[in-house]
Structures are given as C-alpha cells and as structure tokens.
Amino acid sequence: MAAARAPHGSNQPPKIIVKKIYVEGHGAHHGGAWKVAYADFVTAMMAFFLLLWILGATTEKQRKSIADYFAPTLVEFKQNSAGSNGLFGGSSITDKDSYPNRASQTGTKAMTVPVGAAGGAREGSGDRGSLKRASIFAEDEANFDRLRRQVESKIQNSKLAKLGKHVRFIATRDGMRIDLLDDADYSMFALGTTALVPDASELVGLVAESIRGMDNPIMIRGHTDSLGYGDPRAMNNWMLSSGRAEATRRRLAAAGVAESHFERIEGVADREPMITANATDPRNRRVAITLLYRRGNFGK
C-alpha cells in the first residue's frame, strides 16, 4: 500500500492505492488428485490378478479351505444349530464340549465338533466311524505282517523250503496278496489242468493253517500265460484260470478255512501278466490269494 503526495497547499487527504495479488492454486490442487485415483486403480488391478492367480494355482480342496478360513463353516453350523439364540447359545454348563443335548435339538454333534477336537467319549468310534475304521485298518496291517513272517518261517522249516522263491507277499490297496508263482522249472498245477501237484497242495495247506483263524474276507484270482489251446471251445485260458482259482479255494477249505470267508473267486486268463514284456513267460502263471481288509475299511 502506498500514499500519493498531496498537492502543495491543499488540505485534501492523500489518495490510498491498494494492490491485490491473487495466488492461483486451483491448478496445483488438480495436479495431485489423479495420482490418488491411479493408485487406487493399480491396487484394485493387483488384487484382481492375485485372485486370478489363486484360482489357477490351487485345487478345489485348497480353495474350499481358503473359503472356510474367511467364513468358518463350523462356526456357522454352531450359530444356526439348536437353541443358539438362547441363554449360553443353546448350551448348558453341564454339556460335554458345551454342546446342546436336548431331545428337541436340530443340530448334530458330528457336524459341529470335528473328530480331532476334544469330542465326546464315542465321537467317530461307532461301527462305521472314522476312528473305528482306522483302528481296524491298523489291526489288519499288524495281522498281515505277522502272517507273512509266520508263513515264511513255516516254509523255511519244512521240506517245502525249495518253494520259498515261488511265494511272494505284496501289500495292495485291498489288503495283502499272496502270490503262488510258476517259473520255467516248476509249475503249481499239472500242465494244462486244474490239479495241484502234491508239494504245491502242501504249500497251499500250509498257507491255510496261518489264515484260517483270521476274520478277513478272501479273494482268489487265477492267472495264465498267453499260450493257447487247439480248440478254445473245449478249453481256454479263461476256463483254466478260473478253474485253478476254484481248485485253490477247495484246498484252502479242506484245510479249515471257513466257507463264509471266501469273498470272490475269479479267473482273468492272460489279461494281467506279471511279465508284461513277454505274455508267454511261465512266471505269468500264478494264483493270487488276497486277504482283504475287513468291512470297516474294504469297500466302504
């Protein structure tokens, strides 16, 4: 602000000039707003591509686990179960695991309390419960191992020791399989027939002594090589393999194995060769006796 000089001899007040300076800040304000919007856009895109990556890099089970982490199903079941809107959320101070046990409840403990938690005295241990099946499975495994050692010991301590190499024990998804194998120098059955040779019959009887006290179901499967017959209508490998499986069943039954233990008797001819490179190899001729897991595990 400046005061002009008054004219000489005049009593007029000096003129006052006011100078206003305007600072333009409007442009500066708009200059930073786009950066915030761009940052939000980039963050959203990064989250979107992360979601796509998770969907492509995980399995269905893993995605289910991720979803349950953000929305636990057990909590939802508990919240929507019997009396959840009442005092103590439907529980009482005497309930096991703080779970309602009134007759009118609509929820179930099996749905709301996982087996691995500190559940009730019989959680998962019923006849078909997961703990019961695991217990039966472990017991069968121990019995199979004991049977293998017992049969091997009996063979080695008998006149059948030379047949030891013709017996194999193989763990399978269904149970334990005992293979009785032929080779180029030995055959369990008379050539082209279903008649067990004497020492093979003794061997099957020795196996029967060890398995007749077990409760496991038994499956017997006969196998042949691919050598054919002149007239397949009179005899063929299907008839031979199934006949040898039945002959083995009869020998086991004669040695005391209960008839109710036989689950399946079948012949598969040359369709499942052990020596896949040579279907005519004599080692493809064999009978497989499989001790199946008991009902708690097998086929359920």
C-alpha atoms as a PDB file:
ATOM      1  CA  MET A   1       0.000   0.000   0.000  1.00  0.00           C
ATOM      2  CA  ALA A   2       1.415   3.450  -0.980  1.00  0.00           C
ATOM      3  CA  ALA A   3       0.316   7.059  -0.190  1.00  0.00           C
ATOM      4  CA  ALA A   4       0.429   9.592  -3.072  1.00  0.00           C
ATOM      5  CA  ARG A   5       1.910  13.006  -2.369  1.00  0.00           C
ATOM      6  CA  ALA A   6      -0.794  15.605  -1.736  1.00  0.00           C
ATOM      7  CA  PRO A   7      -0.809  18.814  -3.866  1.00  0.00           C
ATOM      8  CA  HIS A   8       1.068  21.757  -2.306  1.00  0.00           C
ATOM      9  CA  GLY A   9      -1.082  23.967  -0.099  1.00  0.00           C
ATOM     10  CA  SER A  10      -4.064  21.581  -0.304  1.00  0.00           C
ATOM     11  CA  ASN A  11      -5.691  20.075   2.705  1.00  0.00           C
ATOM     12  CA  GLN A  12      -7.058  17.076   0.764  1.00  0.00           C
ATOM     13  CA  PRO A  13      -6.062  13.711   2.226  1.00  0.00           C
ATOM     14  CA  PRO A  14      -3.632  11.693   0.224  1.00  0.00           C
ATOM     15  CA  LYS A  15      -5.004   9.032  -2.073  1.00  0.00           C
ATOM     16  CA  ILE A  16      -4.504   5.421  -0.908  1.00  0.00           C
ATOM     17  CA  ILE A  17      -3.865   2.770  -3.564  1.00  0.00           C
ATOM     18  CA  VAL A  18      -4.425  -0.861  -2.602  1.00  0.00           C
ATOM     19  CA  LYS A  19      -2.746  -3.512  -4.741  1.00  0.00           C
ATOM     20  CA  LYS A  20      -4.198  -7.060  -4.501  1.00  0.00           C
ATOM     21  CA  ILE A  21      -2.154 -10.045  -5.574  1.00  0.00           C
ATOM     22  CA  TYR A  22      -4.075 -13.256  -6.349  1.00  0.00           C
ATOM     23  CA  VAL A  23      -2.229 -16.608  -5.996  1.00  0.00           C
ATOM     24  CA  GLU A  24      -3.677 -19.196  -8.373  1.00  0.00           C
ATOM     25  CA  GLY A  25      -3.714 -22.553  -6.512  1.00  0.00           C
ATOM     26  CA  HIS A  26      -6.547 -24.252  -8.382  1.00  0.00           C
ATOM     27  CA  GLY A  27      -4.271 -25.977 -10.873  1.00  0.00           C
ATOM     28  CA  ALA A  28      -1.982 -27.329  -8.183  1.00  0.00           C
ATOM     29  CA  HIS A  29      -4.951 -28.921  -6.410  1.00  0.00           C
ATOM     30  CA  HIS A  30      -5.987 -30.852  -9.529  1.00  0.00           C
ATOM     31  CA  GLY A  31      -2.424 -31.855 -10.208  1.00  0.00           C
ATOM     32  CA  GLY A  32      -2.307 -34.413  -7.317  1.00  0.00           C
ATOM     33  CA  ALA A  33      -5.819 -35.890  -7.384  1.00  0.00           C
ATOM     34  CA  TRP A  34      -5.191 -38.154 -10.388  1.00  0.00           C
ATOM     35  CA  LYS A  35      -2.324 -39.813  -8.564  1.00  0.00           C
ATOM     36  CA  VAL A  36      -4.618 -40.985  -5.780  1.00  0.00           C
ATOM     37  CA  ALA A  37      -7.142 -42.326  -8.279  1.00  0.00           C
ATOM     38  CA  TYR A  38      -4.409 -44.090 -10.238  1.00  0.00           C
ATOM     39  CA  ALA A  39      -3.026 -45.681  -7.062  1.00  0.00           C
ATOM     40  CA  ASP A  40      -6.496 -46.996  -6.207  1.00  0.00           C
ATOM     41  CA  PHE A  41      -6.859 -48.402  -9.723  1.00  0.00           C
ATOM     42  CA  VAL A  42      -3.456 -50.153  -9.606  1.00  0.00           C
ATOM     43  CA  THR A  43      -4.254 -51.624  -6.182  1.00  0.00           C
ATOM     44  CA  ALA A  44      -7.588 -52.951  -7.431  1.00  0.00           C
ATOM     45  CA  MET A  45      -5.947 -54.476 -10.524  1.00  0.00           C
ATOM     46  CA  MET A  46      -3.241 -56.098  -8.422  1.00  0.00           C
ATOM     47  CA  ALA A  47      -5.893 -57.633  -6.144  1.00  0.00           C
ATOM     48  CA  PHE A  48      -7.812 -58.842  -9.221  1.00  0.00           C
ATOM     49  CA  PHE A  49      -4.771 -60.534 -10.779  1.00  0.00           C
ATOM     50  CA  LEU A  50      -3.871 -62.043  -7.396  1.00  0.00           C
ATOM     51  CA  LEU A  51      -7.354 -63.554  -7.250  1.00  0.00           C
ATOM     52  CA  LEU A  52      -6.952 -64.979 -10.762  1.00  0.00           C
ATOM     53  CA  TRP A  53      -3.596 -66.472  -9.809  1.00  0.00           C
ATOM     54  CA  ILE A  54      -5.043 -68.119  -6.690  1.00  0.00           C
ATOM     55  CA  LEU A  55      -7.910 -69.604  -8.711  1.00  0.00           C
ATOM     56  CA  GLY A  56      -5.494 -71.024 -11.266  1.00  0.00           C
ATOM     57  CA  ALA A  57      -2.780 -72.257  -8.892  1.00  0.00           C
ATOM     58  CA  THR A  58      -4.921 -74.057  -6.281  1.00  0.00           C
ATOM     59  CA  THR A  59      -7.015 -77.191  -6.178  1.00  0.00           C
ATOM     60  CA  GLU A  60     -10.703 -77.349  -5.342  1.00  0.00           C
ATOM     61  CA  LYS A  61      -9.877 -78.615  -1.861  1.00  0.00           C
ATOM     62  CA  GLN A  62      -7.422 -75.759  -1.263  1.00  0.00           C
ATOM     63  CA  ARG A  63      -9.959 -73.176  -2.445  1.00  0.00           C
ATOM     64  CA  LYS A  64     -12.522 -74.690  -0.084  1.00  0.00           C
ATOM     65  CA  SER A  65     -10.039 -74.339   2.786  1.00  0.00           C
ATOM     66  CA  ILE A  66      -9.385 -70.695   1.901  1.00  0.00           C
ATOM     67  CA  ALA A  67     -13.116 -70.001   1.787  1.00  0.00           C
ATOM     68  CA  ASP A  68     -13.633 -71.718   5.138  1.00  0.00           C
ATOM     69  CA  TYR A  69     -10.892 -69.589   6.645  1.00  0.00           C
ATOM     70  CA  PHE A  70     -12.852 -66.420   5.918  1.00  0.00           C
ATOM     71  CA  ALA A  71     -16.269 -67.975   6.676  1.00  0.00           C
ATOM     72  CA  PRO A  72     -15.722 -70.952   9.032  1.00  0.00           C
ATOM     73  CA  THR A  73     -18.456 -73.496   8.409  1.00  0.00           C
ATOM     74  CA  LEU A  74     -18.176 -74.969  11.879  1.00  0.00           C
ATOM     75  CA  VAL A  75     -18.993 -71.588  13.400  1.00  0.00           C
ATOM     76  CA  GLU A  76     -21.960 -71.191  11.050  1.00  0.00           C
ATOM     77  CA  PHE A  77     -23.284 -74.634  11.968  1.00  0.00           C
ATOM     78  CA  LYS A  78     -22.934 -73.808  15.639  1.00  0.00           C
ATOM     79  CA  GLN A  79     -24.644 -70.454  15.237  1.00  0.00           C
ATOM     80  CA  ASN A  80     -27.592 -71.981  13.374  1.00  0.00           C
ATOM     81  CA  SER A  81     -27.993 -75.111  15.493  1.00  0.00           C
ATOM     82  CA  ALA A  82     -30.312 -75.967  18.344  1.00  0.00           C
ATOM     83  CA  GLY A  83     -31.132 -73.133  20.719  1.00  0.00           C
ATOM     84  CA  SER A  84     -28.278 -70.948  19.521  1.00  0.00           C
ATOM     85  CA  ASN A  85     -30.290 -67.797  20.234  1.00  0.00           C
ATOM     86  CA  GLY A  86     -30.945 -68.744  23.847  1.00  0.00           C
ATOM     87  CA  LEU A  87     -29.003 -68.470  27.072  1.00  0.00           C
ATOM     88  CA  PHE A  88     -25.423 -69.782  26.727  1.00  0.00           C
ATOM     89  CA  GLY A  89     -26.043 -70.080  22.983  1.00  0.00           C
ATOM     90  CA  GLY A  90     -28.198 -73.161  23.485  1.00  0.00           C
ATOM     91  CA  SER A  91     -25.694 -74.949  25.750  1.00  0.00           C
ATOM     92  CA  SER A  92     -25.599 -75.564  29.467  1.00  0.00           C
ATOM     93  CA  ILE A  93     -22.742 -75.636  31.946  1.00  0.00           C
ATOM     94  CA  THR A  94     -23.037 -79.445  32.169  1.00  0.00           C
ATOM     95  CA  ASP A  95     -22.902 -80.200  28.423  1.00  0.00           C
ATOM     96  CA  LYS A  96     -19.929 -82.080  27.014  1.00  0.00           C
ATOM     97  CA  ASP A  97     -17.997 -79.764  24.721  1.00  0.00           C
ATOM     98  CA  SER A  98     -20.609 -77.089  25.579  1.00  0.00           C
ATOM     99  CA  TYR A  99     -22.954 -78.598  23.019  1.00  0.00           C
ATOM    100  CA  PRO A 100     -26.776 -78.742  23.478  1.00  0.00           C
ATOM    101  CA  ASN A 101     -28.047 -82.230  24.190  1.00  0.00           C
ATOM    102  CA  ARG A 102     -31.794 -81.763  24.436  1.00  0.00           C
ATOM    103  CA  ALA A 103     -34.082 -84.160  22.572  1.00  0.00           C
ATOM    104  CA  SER A 104     -35.626 -81.306  20.589  1.00  0.00           C
ATOM    105  CA  GLN A 105     -32.348 -80.075  19.106  1.00  0.00           C
ATOM    106  CA  THR A 106     -31.926 -79.864  15.339  1.00  0.00           C
ATOM    107  CA  GLY A 107     -28.125 -79.691  15.109  1.00  0.00           C
ATOM    108  CA  THR A 108     -25.839 -82.711  15.370  1.00  0.00           C
ATOM    109  CA  LYS A 109     -22.559 -83.009  17.196  1.00  0.00           C
ATOM    110  CA  ALA A 110     -20.939 -84.757  14.249  1.00  0.00           C
ATOM    111  CA  MET A 111     -21.485 -81.605  12.157  1.00  0.00           C
ATOM    112  CA  THR A 112     -20.282 -79.088  14.705  1.00  0.00           C
ATOM    113  CA  VAL A 113     -17.392 -80.681  16.594  1.00  0.00           C
ATOM    114  CA  PRO A 114     -14.536 -82.074  14.456  1.00  0.00           C
ATOM    115  CA  VAL A 115     -13.280 -85.582  15.264  1.00  0.00           C
ATOM    116  CA  GLY A 116      -9.801 -84.286  16.025  1.00  0.00           C
ATOM    117  CA  ALA A 117     -11.144 -81.999  18.770  1.00  0.00           C
ATOM    118  CA  ALA A 118     -11.794 -82.993  22.372  1.00  0.00           C
ATOM    119  CA  GLY A 119     -15.094 -84.618  21.495  1.00  0.00           C
ATOM    120  CA  GLY A 120     -17.322 -86.997  23.379  1.00  0.00           C
ATOM    121  CA  ALA A 121     -16.378 -90.430  24.580  1.00  0.00           C
ATOM    122  CA  ARG A 122     -17.508 -92.169  21.345  1.00  0.00           C
ATOM    123  CA  GLU A 123     -17.041 -89.444  18.754  1.00  0.00           C
ATOM    124  CA  GLY A 124     -16.134 -91.153  15.455  1.00  0.00           C
ATOM    125  CA  SER A 125     -15.811 -94.562  17.113  1.00  0.00           C
ATOM    126  CA  GLY A 126     -19.082 -96.183  16.017  1.00  0.00           C
ATOM    127  CA  ASP A 127     -19.178 -99.317  13.878  1.00  0.00           C
ATOM    128  CA  ARG A 128     -18.550 -97.245  10.745  1.00  0.00           C
ATOM    129  CA  GLY A 129     -16.887 -94.226  12.350  1.00  0.00           C
ATOM    130  CA  SER A 130     -13.529 -92.967  11.094  1.00  0.00           C
ATOM    131  CA  LEU A 131     -11.727 -93.844  14.328  1.00  0.00           C
ATOM    132  CA  LYS A 132     -13.179 -97.344  14.293  1.00  0.00           C
ATOM    133  CA  ARG A 133     -12.072 -97.881  10.693  1.00  0.00           C
ATOM    134  CA  ALA A 134      -8.583 -96.584  11.456  1.00  0.00           C
ATOM    135  CA  SER A 135      -8.346 -98.977  14.380  1.00  0.00           C
ATOM    136  CA  ILE A 136      -9.422-101.959  12.249  1.00  0.00           C
ATOM    137  CA  PHE A 137      -7.028-100.941   9.487  1.00  0.00           C
ATOM    138  CA  ALA A 138      -4.074-100.787  11.891  1.00  0.00           C
ATOM    139  CA  GLU A 139      -5.036-104.147  13.395  1.00  0.00           C
ATOM    140  CA  ASP A 140      -5.247-105.761   9.946  1.00  0.00           C
ATOM    141  CA  GLU A 141      -1.860-104.341   8.995  1.00  0.00           C
ATOM    142  CA  ALA A 142      -0.295-105.867  12.109  1.00  0.00           C
ATOM    143  CA  ASN A 143      -2.010-109.215  11.437  1.00  0.00           C
ATOM    144  CA  PHE A 144      -0.806-109.243   7.814  1.00  0.00           C
ATOM    145  CA  ASP A 145       2.785-108.631   8.885  1.00  0.00           C
ATOM    146  CA  ARG A 146       2.578-111.388  11.494  1.00  0.00           C
ATOM    147  CA  LEU A 147       1.045-113.766   8.920  1.00  0.00           C
ATOM    148  CA  ARG A 148       3.831-113.068   6.422  1.00  0.00           C
ATOM    149  CA  ARG A 149       6.542-113.828   8.977  1.00  0.00           C
ATOM    150  CA  GLN A 150       4.708-116.934  10.148  1.00  0.00           C
ATOM    151  CA  VAL A 151       4.275-118.402   6.655  1.00  0.00           C
ATOM    152  CA  GLU A 152       7.854-117.636   5.656  1.00  0.00           C
ATOM    153  CA  SER A 153       9.114-119.329   8.824  1.00  0.00           C
ATOM    154  CA  LYS A 154       6.972-122.425   8.239  1.00  0.00           C
ATOM    155  CA  ILE A 155       8.183-122.747   4.664  1.00  0.00           C
ATOM    156  CA  GLN A 156      11.841-122.433   5.618  1.00  0.00           C
ATOM    157  CA  ASN A 157      11.486-125.007   8.396  1.00  0.00           C
ATOM    158  CA  SER A 158       9.777-127.627   6.254  1.00  0.00           C
ATOM    159  CA  LYS A 159      10.548-129.777   3.257  1.00  0.00           C
ATOM    160  CA  LEU A 160       8.930-127.056   1.131  1.00  0.00           C
ATOM    161  CA  ALA A 161      11.891-124.698   1.612  1.00  0.00           C
ATOM    162  CA  LYS A 162      12.759-125.037  -2.083  1.00  0.00           C
ATOM    163  CA  LEU A 163       9.381-123.461  -2.907  1.00  0.00           C
ATOM    164  CA  GLY A 164      10.117-120.324  -0.897  1.00  0.00           C
ATOM    165  CA  LYS A 165      11.050-118.364  -4.017  1.00  0.00           C
ATOM    166  CA  HIS A 166       7.645-119.187  -5.523  1.00  0.00           C
ATOM    167  CA  VAL A 167       5.767-117.330  -2.772  1.00  0.00           C
ATOM    168  CA  ARG A 168       5.521-113.529  -2.670  1.00  0.00           C
ATOM    169  CA  PHE A 169       3.737-111.235  -0.207  1.00  0.00           C
ATOM    170  CA  ILE A 170       2.542-107.924  -1.673  1.00  0.00           C
ATOM    171  CA  ALA A 171       0.662-105.129   0.109  1.00  0.00           C
ATOM    172  CA  THR A 172      -2.159-103.756  -2.039  1.00  0.00           C
ATOM    173  CA  ARG A 173      -4.900-101.170  -1.603  1.00  0.00           C
ATOM    174  CA  ASP A 174      -7.355-104.004  -0.861  1.00  0.00           C
ATOM    175  CA  GLY A 175      -5.226-105.944   1.617  1.00  0.00           C
ATOM    176  CA  MET A 176      -2.285-108.350   1.430  1.00  0.00           C
ATOM    177  CA  ARG A 177      -1.815-110.547  -1.625  1.00  0.00           C
ATOM    178  CA  ILE A 178      -0.005-113.902  -1.516  1.00  0.00           C
ATOM    179  CA  ASP A 179       1.223-114.862  -4.981  1.00  0.00           C
ATOM    180  CA  LEU A 180       1.998-118.528  -5.734  1.00  0.00           C
ATOM    181  CA  LEU A 181       4.188-118.344  -8.846  1.00  0.00           C
ATOM    182  CA  ASP A 182       5.361-120.741 -11.551  1.00  0.00           C
ATOM    183  CA  ASP A 183       8.637-120.469 -13.424  1.00  0.00           C
ATOM    184  CA  ALA A 184      10.382-122.279 -16.257  1.00  0.00           C
ATOM    185  CA  ASP A 185      11.404-125.180 -13.974  1.00  0.00           C
ATOM    186  CA  TYR A 186       8.310-125.570 -11.836  1.00  0.00           C
ATOM    187  CA  SER A 187       4.519-125.435 -12.117  1.00  0.00           C
ATOM    188  CA  MET A 188       1.986-125.437  -9.270  1.00  0.00           C
ATOM    189  CA  PHE A 189      -0.505-127.297 -11.461  1.00  0.00           C
ATOM    190  CA  ALA A 190      -0.148-130.211 -13.826  1.00  0.00           C
ATOM    191  CA  LEU A 191       0.327-128.872 -17.339  1.00  0.00           C
ATOM    192  CA  GLY A 192      -2.932-127.577 -18.812  1.00  0.00           C
ATOM    193  CA  THR A 193      -5.041-128.830 -15.872  1.00  0.00           C
ATOM    194  CA  THR A 194      -6.528-127.569 -12.611  1.00  0.00           C
ATOM    195  CA  ALA A 195      -4.889-130.292 -10.494  1.00  0.00           C
ATOM    196  CA  LEU A 196      -2.399-129.065  -7.875  1.00  0.00           C
ATOM    197  CA  VAL A 197       0.847-131.043  -7.809  1.00  0.00           C
ATOM    198  CA  PRO A 198       1.499-132.704  -4.407  1.00  0.00           C
ATOM    199  CA  ASP A 199       4.055-130.248  -2.984  1.00  0.00           C
ATOM    200  CA  ALA A 200       2.017-127.234  -4.209  1.00  0.00           C
ATOM    201  CA  SER A 201      -1.011-128.730  -2.462  1.00  0.00           C
ATOM    202  CA  GLU A 202       1.027-128.950   0.744  1.00  0.00           C
ATOM    203  CA  LEU A 203       2.123-125.348   0.297  1.00  0.00           C
ATOM    204  CA  VAL A 204      -1.466-124.110  -0.041  1.00  0.00           C
ATOM    205  CA  GLY A 205      -2.375-126.168   3.035  1.00  0.00           C
ATOM    206  CA  LEU A 206       0.466-124.530   4.973  1.00  0.00           C
ATOM    207  CA  VAL A 207      -0.862-121.089   3.999  1.00  0.00           C
ATOM    208  CA  ALA A 208      -4.343-122.178   5.061  1.00  0.00           C
ATOM    209  CA  GLU A 209      -3.064-123.079   8.549  1.00  0.00           C
ATOM    210  CA  SER A 210      -1.984-119.468   9.033  1.00  0.00           C
ATOM    211  CA  ILE A 211      -5.058-117.706   7.630  1.00  0.00           C
ATOM    212  CA  ARG A 212      -7.913-119.928   8.842  1.00  0.00           C
ATOM    213  CA  GLY A 213      -8.053-118.158  12.201  1.00  0.00           C
ATOM    214  CA  MET A 214      -8.344-114.700  10.633  1.00  0.00           C
ATOM    215  CA  ASP A 215     -11.655-112.911  10.011  1.00  0.00           C
ATOM    216  CA  ASN A 216     -10.580-111.171   6.803  1.00  0.00           C
ATOM    217  CA  PRO A 217     -12.503-111.870   3.576  1.00  0.00           C
ATOM    218  CA  ILE A 218     -10.504-113.798   0.965  1.00  0.00           C
ATOM    219  CA  MET A 219     -10.258-113.221  -2.769  1.00  0.00           C
ATOM    220  CA  ILE A 220      -8.599-115.774  -5.074  1.00  0.00           C
ATOM    221  CA  ARG A 221      -7.605-114.904  -8.634  1.00  0.00           C
ATOM    222  CA  GLY A 222      -6.147-117.273 -11.217  1.00  0.00           C
ATOM    223  CA  HIS A 223      -3.717-116.158 -13.960  1.00  0.00           C
ATOM    224  CA  THR A 224      -2.278-117.947 -17.004  1.00  0.00           C
ATOM    225  CA  ASP A 225       0.271-117.190 -19.680  1.00  0.00           C
ATOM    226  CA  SER A 226      -0.900-116.450 -23.222  1.00  0.00           C
ATOM    227  CA  LEU A 227      -0.256-119.914 -24.700  1.00  0.00           C
ATOM    228  CA  GLY A 228      -3.498-121.064 -26.289  1.00  0.00           C
ATOM    229  CA  TYR A 229      -5.303-124.335 -26.926  1.00  0.00           C
ATOM    230  CA  GLY A 230      -6.067-126.087 -30.186  1.00  0.00           C
ATOM    231  CA  ASP A 231      -9.814-125.921 -29.649  1.00  0.00           C
ATOM    232  CA  PRO A 232     -10.659-122.924 -27.382  1.00  0.00           C
ATOM    233  CA  ARG A 233     -14.282-124.088 -27.221  1.00  0.00           C
ATOM    234  CA  ALA A 234     -13.213-127.200 -25.291  1.00  0.00           C
ATOM    235  CA  MET A 235     -10.642-125.473 -23.048  1.00  0.00           C
ATOM    236  CA  ASN A 236      -9.202-121.967 -22.953  1.00  0.00           C
ATOM    237  CA  ASN A 237      -7.240-119.755 -20.580  1.00  0.00           C
ATOM    238  CA  TRP A 238     -10.396-118.244 -19.090  1.00  0.00           C
ATOM    239  CA  MET A 239     -11.616-121.674 -18.037  1.00  0.00           C
ATOM    240  CA  LEU A 240      -8.140-122.707 -16.888  1.00  0.00           C
ATOM    241  CA  SER A 241      -7.508-119.608 -14.742  1.00  0.00           C
ATOM    242  CA  SER A 242     -10.925-119.715 -13.072  1.00  0.00           C
ATOM    243  CA  GLY A 243     -10.626-123.496 -12.566  1.00  0.00           C
ATOM    244  CA  ARG A 244      -7.250-123.093 -10.860  1.00  0.00           C
ATOM    245  CA  ALA A 245      -8.656-120.366  -8.608  1.00  0.00           C
ATOM    246  CA  GLU A 246     -11.511-122.696  -7.630  1.00  0.00           C
ATOM    247  CA  ALA A 247      -9.092-125.594  -7.034  1.00  0.00           C
ATOM    248  CA  THR A 248      -7.106-123.351  -4.688  1.00  0.00           C
ATOM    249  CA  ARG A 249     -10.302-122.385  -2.842  1.00  0.00           C
ATOM    250  CA  ARG A 250     -11.218-126.049  -2.369  1.00  0.00           C
ATOM    251  CA  ARG A 251      -7.750-126.803  -0.973  1.00  0.00           C
ATOM    252  CA  LEU A 252      -7.972-123.901   1.486  1.00  0.00           C
ATOM    253  CA  ALA A 253     -11.440-125.018   2.566  1.00  0.00           C
ATOM    254  CA  ALA A 254     -10.205-128.596   3.057  1.00  0.00           C
ATOM    255  CA  ALA A 255      -7.505-127.221   5.387  1.00  0.00           C
ATOM    256  CA  GLY A 256     -10.081-125.482   7.594  1.00  0.00           C
ATOM    257  CA  VAL A 257     -10.719-122.038   6.080  1.00  0.00           C
ATOM    258  CA  ALA A 258     -14.396-121.200   6.672  1.00  0.00           C
ATOM    259  CA  GLU A 259     -16.581-121.091   3.569  1.00  0.00           C
ATOM    260  CA  SER A 260     -18.036-117.735   4.654  1.00  0.00           C
ATOM    261  CA  HIS A 261     -14.607-116.095   4.366  1.00  0.00           C
ATOM    262  CA  PHE A 262     -14.398-116.503   0.587  1.00  0.00           C
ATOM    263  CA  GLU A 263     -15.365-113.174  -0.961  1.00  0.00           C
ATOM    264  CA  ARG A 264     -14.538-113.609  -4.645  1.00  0.00           C
ATOM    265  CA  ILE A 265     -13.173-116.396  -6.864  1.00  0.00           C
ATOM    266  CA  GLU A 266     -12.222-115.376 -10.393  1.00  0.00           C
ATOM    267  CA  GLY A 267     -10.001-116.112 -13.358  1.00  0.00           C
ATOM    268  CA  VAL A 268      -8.512-113.405 -15.573  1.00  0.00           C
ATOM    269  CA  ALA A 269      -6.672-115.633 -18.089  1.00  0.00           C
ATOM    270  CA  ASP A 270      -3.631-113.781 -19.518  1.00  0.00           C
ATOM    271  CA  ARG A 271      -5.113-110.272 -19.159  1.00  0.00           C
ATOM    272  CA  GLU A 272      -2.935-109.240 -16.199  1.00  0.00           C
ATOM    273  CA  PRO A 273       0.574-110.549 -16.944  1.00  0.00           C
ATOM    274  CA  MET A 274       3.268-110.043 -14.351  1.00  0.00           C
ATOM    275  CA  ILE A 275       5.928-110.062 -17.081  1.00  0.00           C
ATOM    276  CA  THR A 276       4.372-107.530 -19.427  1.00  0.00           C
ATOM    277  CA  ALA A 277       7.203-107.690 -21.957  1.00  0.00           C
ATOM    278  CA  ASN A 278       6.539-111.386 -22.631  1.00  0.00           C
ATOM    279  CA  ALA A 279       2.976-112.659 -22.228  1.00  0.00           C
ATOM    280  CA  THR A 280       4.132-116.274 -22.739  1.00  0.00           C
ATOM    281  CA  ASP A 281       6.607-116.151 -19.847  1.00  0.00           C
ATOM    282  CA  PRO A 282       5.800-119.038 -17.429  1.00  0.00           C
ATOM    283  CA  ARG A 283       6.037-116.647 -14.465  1.00  0.00           C
ATOM    284  CA  ASN A 284       2.719-115.198 -15.623  1.00  0.00           C
ATOM    285  CA  ARG A 285       1.099-118.437 -14.458  1.00  0.00           C
ATOM    286  CA  ARG A 286       0.131-117.851 -10.857  1.00  0.00           C
ATOM    287  CA  VAL A 287      -2.629-117.907  -8.264  1.00  0.00           C
ATOM    288  CA  ALA A 288      -3.117-114.858  -6.058  1.00  0.00           C
ATOM    289  CA  ILE A 289      -4.695-115.278  -2.602  1.00  0.00           C
ATOM    290  CA  THR A 290      -5.636-111.841  -1.230  1.00  0.00           C
ATOM    291  CA  LEU A 291      -6.596-111.238   2.385  1.00  0.00           C
ATOM    292  CA  LEU A 292      -8.914-108.237   2.169  1.00  0.00           C
ATOM    293  CA  TYR A 293      -9.296-105.564   4.805  1.00  0.00           C
ATOM    294  CA  ARG A 294     -12.305-106.195   6.985  1.00  0.00           C
ATOM    295  CA  ARG A 295     -15.623-104.487   6.271  1.00  0.00           C
ATOM    296  CA  GLY A 296     -14.774-101.381   8.269  1.00  0.00           C
ATOM    297  CA  ASN A 297     -12.234-100.454   5.562  1.00  0.00           C
ATOM    298  CA  PHE A 298     -12.737-102.519   2.416  1.00  0.00           C
ATOM    299  CA  GLY A 299     -15.453-101.408   0.014  1.00  0.00           C
ATOM    300  CA  LYS A 300     -16.964 -98.775   2.349  1.00  0.00           C
END
